[in-house]
Amino acid sequence: MRGKEMFGRLFNAGVFAVMASLVCGSLSAQSNPSGEPVFGAPSRSTTPTAVTTPKYSSAPVRPDTRIAPLVGSNYKIGADDVLTINVWHEPEVSRNVSVRPDGKISLPLVGDVQASGLTPMELQNELAARFTKYLTNPDVSVIVAEIRSQRVNVLGQVMRPGTYPLIPPMSVIDAVATAGGLQEFAKSKKIYVLRTLPSGQRERIKFEYNNVLKGKRGSKDLLLQTRDTVVVP
């Protein structure tokens, strides 16, 4: 009898242990939905982390366009050049204008203004002074959008013969490079420049292309003037 009683007690204890294990496992699964085992460590928080979205200002940003990208600060505006005149926050008076043959431009409020012979900065200051009579603290910018007054010709045995803007300081070497360089059978020793003198006569200037490229002593690159023609035989 005692053996059967002892066996019954052991069986009941085993059943209780199994049931307890199942209950604990169920509770652990509910507290840890991910199914990952937890060994005495506190459970991870499942509270979502707030994401902060950066705020950007919608205020317009004015680009810095005071200096023309194609010309230097010493460039002199000439007839036929196309200028972009921008008065900040004043679209009614901002516009593209061409310099007339008499060297002047016309704008609302200020009328005719001499532009030829001035640098973009000098014209900018002149316009700002004139607009001050009609606008409060006018912020004016002047850009040479197209260079049409100062041009040079590159003819003969170059890759792209044609007429190009003269952007000082521009030399013969610069002009040839702008035209794509010499062709295979170009006679580099016979390159010359045709220049119109104030008297109206044309001067032929020999240019030692090879010596200049080699940096030979006494050889100098020739700076071009408007309407010069570089001839490459």
Protein backbone atom coordinates (compact mmCIF):
# COMPACT_ATOMS: atom_id res chain seq x y z
CA MET A 1 0.00 0.00 0.00
CA ARG A 2 2.74 2.31 0.87
CA GLY A 3 4.35 1.81 -2.57
CA LYS A 4 1.17 2.70 -4.40
CA GLU A 5 0.66 5.75 -2.19
CA MET A 6 4.23 6.91 -2.80
CA PHE A 7 3.83 6.43 -6.58
CA GLY A 8 0.61 8.47 -6.54
CA ARG A 9 2.27 11.33 -4.73
CA LEU A 10 5.17 11.36 -7.17
CA PHE A 11 2.82 11.26 -10.18
CA ASN A 12 0.75 14.17 -8.83
CA ALA A 13 3.91 16.19 -8.18
CA GLY A 14 5.12 15.59 -11.74
CA VAL A 15 1.80 16.65 -13.22
CA PHE A 16 1.85 19.81 -11.10
CA ALA A 17 5.36 20.68 -12.25
CA VAL A 18 4.41 20.25 -15.91
CA MET A 19 1.28 22.40 -15.50
CA ALA A 20 3.26 25.10 -13.70
CA SER A 21 5.82 25.15 -16.49
CA LEU A 22 3.11 25.55 -19.13
CA VAL A 23 1.47 28.40 -17.22
CA CYS A 24 4.77 30.25 -16.79
CA GLY A 25 5.57 29.80 -20.47
CA SER A 26 2.20 31.22 -21.44
CA LEU A 27 2.66 34.25 -19.19
CA SER A 28 6.17 34.80 -20.53
CA ALA A 29 4.92 34.68 -24.14
CA GLN A 30 2.25 37.28 -23.35
CA SER A 31 4.79 39.62 -21.77
CA ASN A 32 7.27 39.04 -24.64
CA PRO A 33 5.28 38.94 -27.91
CA SER A 34 8.45 38.72 -30.01
CA GLY A 35 9.09 35.21 -28.77
CA GLU A 36 12.66 36.02 -27.78
CA PRO A 37 13.82 34.35 -24.56
CA VAL A 38 14.25 36.61 -21.56
CA PHE A 39 16.60 35.56 -18.83
CA GLY A 40 15.80 37.80 -15.89
CA ALA A 41 16.33 41.00 -17.95
CA PRO A 42 13.56 43.59 -18.05
CA SER A 43 11.40 43.37 -21.14
CA ARG A 44 12.04 45.86 -23.98
CA SER A 45 9.66 48.74 -24.27
CA THR A 46 7.46 48.57 -27.36
CA THR A 47 6.47 52.25 -27.14
CA PRO A 48 7.19 53.84 -30.57
CA THR A 49 9.86 56.53 -30.60
CA ALA A 50 8.69 59.93 -31.78
CA VAL A 51 10.40 61.08 -35.01
CA THR A 52 11.14 64.77 -35.27
CA THR A 53 10.73 66.15 -38.79
CA PRO A 54 13.18 68.99 -39.55
CA LYS A 55 11.60 72.29 -40.34
CA TYR A 56 12.69 74.28 -43.37
CA SER A 57 12.08 77.93 -43.95
CA SER A 58 9.91 78.74 -46.92
CA ALA A 59 11.39 82.22 -47.22
CA PRO A 60 12.92 82.84 -50.66
CA VAL A 61 16.68 82.94 -50.89
CA ARG A 62 18.21 85.45 -53.22
CA PRO A 63 21.01 84.06 -55.38
CA ASP A 64 24.24 86.00 -55.48
CA THR A 65 24.24 87.23 -59.06
CA ARG A 66 26.14 90.45 -58.68
CA ILE A 67 29.15 89.24 -60.67
CA ALA A 68 28.54 88.15 -64.24
CA PRO A 69 29.76 84.57 -64.67
CA LEU A 70 31.30 85.19 -68.11
CA VAL A 71 33.13 88.48 -67.57
CA GLY A 72 35.64 89.89 -65.15
CA SER A 73 35.10 92.88 -62.90
CA ASN A 74 37.00 95.10 -65.36
CA TYR A 75 34.85 94.25 -68.38
CA LYS A 76 33.57 97.35 -70.17
CA ILE A 77 30.00 97.14 -71.42
CA GLY A 78 29.58 97.94 -75.11
CA ALA A 79 26.91 98.44 -77.76
CA ASP A 80 24.77 95.37 -78.51
CA ASP A 81 25.61 93.68 -75.19
CA VAL A 82 22.57 92.14 -73.48
CA LEU A 83 22.22 93.05 -69.81
CA THR A 84 20.07 91.56 -67.08
CA ILE A 85 18.94 94.32 -64.72
CA ASN A 86 17.42 93.02 -61.49
CA VAL A 87 15.95 95.26 -58.79
CA TRP A 88 15.21 93.08 -55.77
CA HIS A 89 11.48 92.78 -55.07
CA GLU A 90 10.71 95.16 -57.95
CA PRO A 91 9.75 92.96 -60.93
CA GLU A 92 8.09 95.89 -62.72
CA VAL A 93 11.46 97.53 -63.36
CA SER A 94 13.61 94.38 -63.65
CA ARG A 95 14.27 93.17 -67.18
CA ASN A 96 16.72 92.17 -69.92
CA VAL A 97 17.84 95.06 -72.08
CA SER A 98 20.17 95.48 -75.07
CA VAL A 99 22.66 98.31 -75.16
CA ARG A 100 21.70 100.57 -78.07
CA PRO A 101 24.23 101.76 -80.69
CA ASP A 102 24.39 105.08 -78.82
CA GLY A 103 25.59 103.16 -75.72
CA LYS A 104 22.46 103.72 -73.64
CA ILE A 105 19.74 101.55 -72.12
CA SER A 106 16.17 102.48 -71.23
CA LEU A 107 14.45 101.46 -67.97
CA PRO A 108 11.16 102.41 -66.28
CA LEU A 109 11.31 105.33 -63.84
CA VAL A 110 14.90 106.35 -64.70
CA GLY A 111 14.65 106.56 -68.51
CA ASP A 112 17.85 106.52 -70.60
CA VAL A 113 21.09 105.61 -68.83
CA GLN A 114 24.59 105.50 -70.31
CA ALA A 115 25.89 101.90 -70.13
CA SER A 116 28.61 101.64 -72.77
CA GLY A 117 32.09 102.18 -71.32
CA LEU A 118 31.06 101.25 -67.77
CA THR A 119 31.77 98.05 -65.86
CA PRO A 120 28.76 96.09 -64.54
CA MET A 121 29.51 97.35 -61.02
CA GLU A 122 29.74 100.98 -62.16
CA LEU A 123 26.41 100.70 -63.97
CA GLN A 124 24.91 98.97 -60.95
CA ASN A 125 25.91 101.88 -58.69
CA GLU A 126 24.59 104.42 -61.19
CA LEU A 127 21.21 102.69 -61.42
CA ALA A 128 20.94 102.34 -57.65
CA ALA A 129 21.54 106.09 -57.26
CA ARG A 130 18.85 106.90 -59.84
CA PHE A 131 16.28 104.46 -58.44
CA THR A 132 16.75 105.96 -54.97
CA LYS A 133 14.57 108.88 -56.10
CA TYR A 134 11.61 106.52 -56.57
CA LEU A 135 12.34 103.42 -54.41
CA THR A 136 13.44 102.89 -50.82
CA ASN A 137 16.95 101.41 -50.60
CA PRO A 138 16.89 99.81 -54.07
CA ASP A 139 19.06 96.70 -54.34
CA VAL A 140 20.25 96.54 -57.95
CA SER A 141 22.31 93.90 -59.76
CA VAL A 142 23.69 94.04 -63.31
CA ILE A 143 24.74 90.96 -65.26
CA VAL A 144 26.20 90.82 -68.76
CA ALA A 145 23.98 88.04 -70.12
CA GLU A 146 25.43 88.10 -73.65
CA ILE A 147 28.64 89.62 -74.97
CA ARG A 148 27.98 91.04 -78.41
CA SER A 149 30.04 94.21 -78.49
CA GLN A 150 33.51 92.69 -78.18
CA ARG A 151 34.25 89.78 -80.46
CA VAL A 152 37.18 88.19 -82.28
CA ASN A 153 37.36 86.00 -85.37
CA VAL A 154 39.37 82.79 -85.59
CA LEU A 155 39.74 81.57 -89.18
CA GLY A 156 41.61 78.87 -91.09
CA GLN A 157 42.93 75.53 -89.90
CA VAL A 158 41.29 75.30 -86.48
CA MET A 159 38.70 72.78 -85.35
CA ARG A 160 35.83 75.30 -85.03
CA PRO A 161 36.40 78.48 -87.08
CA GLY A 162 34.07 81.32 -86.20
CA THR A 163 33.42 84.45 -84.19
CA TYR A 164 33.84 84.33 -80.41
CA PRO A 165 33.23 86.72 -77.51
CA LEU A 166 36.31 88.65 -76.46
CA ILE A 167 36.62 88.20 -72.72
CA PRO A 168 39.68 90.21 -71.59
CA PRO A 169 42.43 89.32 -71.04
CA MET A 170 42.19 87.03 -74.09
CA SER A 171 45.32 86.11 -76.04
CA VAL A 172 45.97 84.39 -79.36
CA ILE A 173 46.63 81.13 -77.52
CA ASP A 174 43.28 81.53 -75.72
CA ALA A 175 41.45 82.22 -78.98
CA VAL A 176 42.94 79.18 -80.71
CA ALA A 177 42.03 77.01 -77.73
CA THR A 178 38.49 78.39 -77.73
CA ALA A 179 38.21 77.44 -81.39
CA GLY A 180 39.12 73.85 -80.54
CA GLY A 181 42.84 73.97 -81.28
CA LEU A 182 44.81 73.52 -84.47
CA GLN A 183 43.94 71.00 -87.16
CA GLU A 184 46.46 68.34 -88.13
CA PHE A 185 47.94 70.19 -91.10
CA ALA A 186 47.82 73.73 -89.69
CA LYS A 187 50.91 75.84 -90.36
CA SER A 188 51.56 76.98 -86.80
CA LYS A 189 54.67 78.97 -87.81
CA LYS A 190 52.63 81.21 -90.13
CA ILE A 191 49.82 82.25 -87.77
CA TYR A 192 49.10 85.99 -87.79
CA VAL A 193 46.58 88.51 -86.46
CA LEU A 194 44.74 91.09 -88.57
CA ARG A 195 44.01 94.23 -86.55
CA THR A 196 42.05 97.32 -87.61
CA LEU A 197 43.88 100.51 -86.61
CA PRO A 198 42.11 103.74 -85.56
CA SER A 199 42.94 105.10 -89.01
CA GLY A 200 40.89 102.32 -90.58
CA GLN A 201 43.91 100.54 -92.04
CA ARG A 202 44.60 96.90 -91.31
CA GLU A 203 47.81 95.76 -89.67
CA ARG A 204 49.19 92.24 -90.03
CA ILE A 205 50.90 91.02 -86.85
CA LYS A 206 53.02 87.87 -87.06
CA PHE A 207 52.61 85.52 -84.10
CA GLU A 208 55.25 82.98 -83.06
CA TYR A 209 52.84 80.32 -81.88
CA ASN A 210 55.37 77.52 -81.27
CA ASN A 211 57.84 79.74 -79.43
CA VAL A 212 55.13 81.02 -77.10
CA LEU A 213 53.95 77.50 -76.32
CA LYS A 214 57.51 76.42 -75.54
CA GLY A 215 58.08 79.48 -73.37
CA LYS A 216 61.05 80.54 -75.44
CA ARG A 217 62.87 83.57 -74.10
CA GLY A 218 61.73 86.80 -75.76
CA SER A 219 58.48 85.35 -77.05
CA LYS A 220 55.24 86.85 -75.75
CA ASP A 221 51.62 85.92 -76.13
CA LEU A 222 49.61 88.63 -77.90
CA LEU A 223 46.55 90.07 -76.17
CA LEU A 224 43.66 90.50 -78.57
CA GLN A 225 41.51 93.55 -79.14
CA THR A 226 37.91 93.65 -80.25
CA ARG A 227 37.41 92.80 -83.94
CA ASP A 228 40.86 91.18 -84.23
CA THR A 229 41.05 88.24 -86.61
CA VAL A 230 43.37 85.31 -85.87
CA VAL A 231 44.34 83.56 -89.12
CA VAL A 232 45.70 80.02 -89.05
CA PRO A 233 46.94 79.01 -92.57
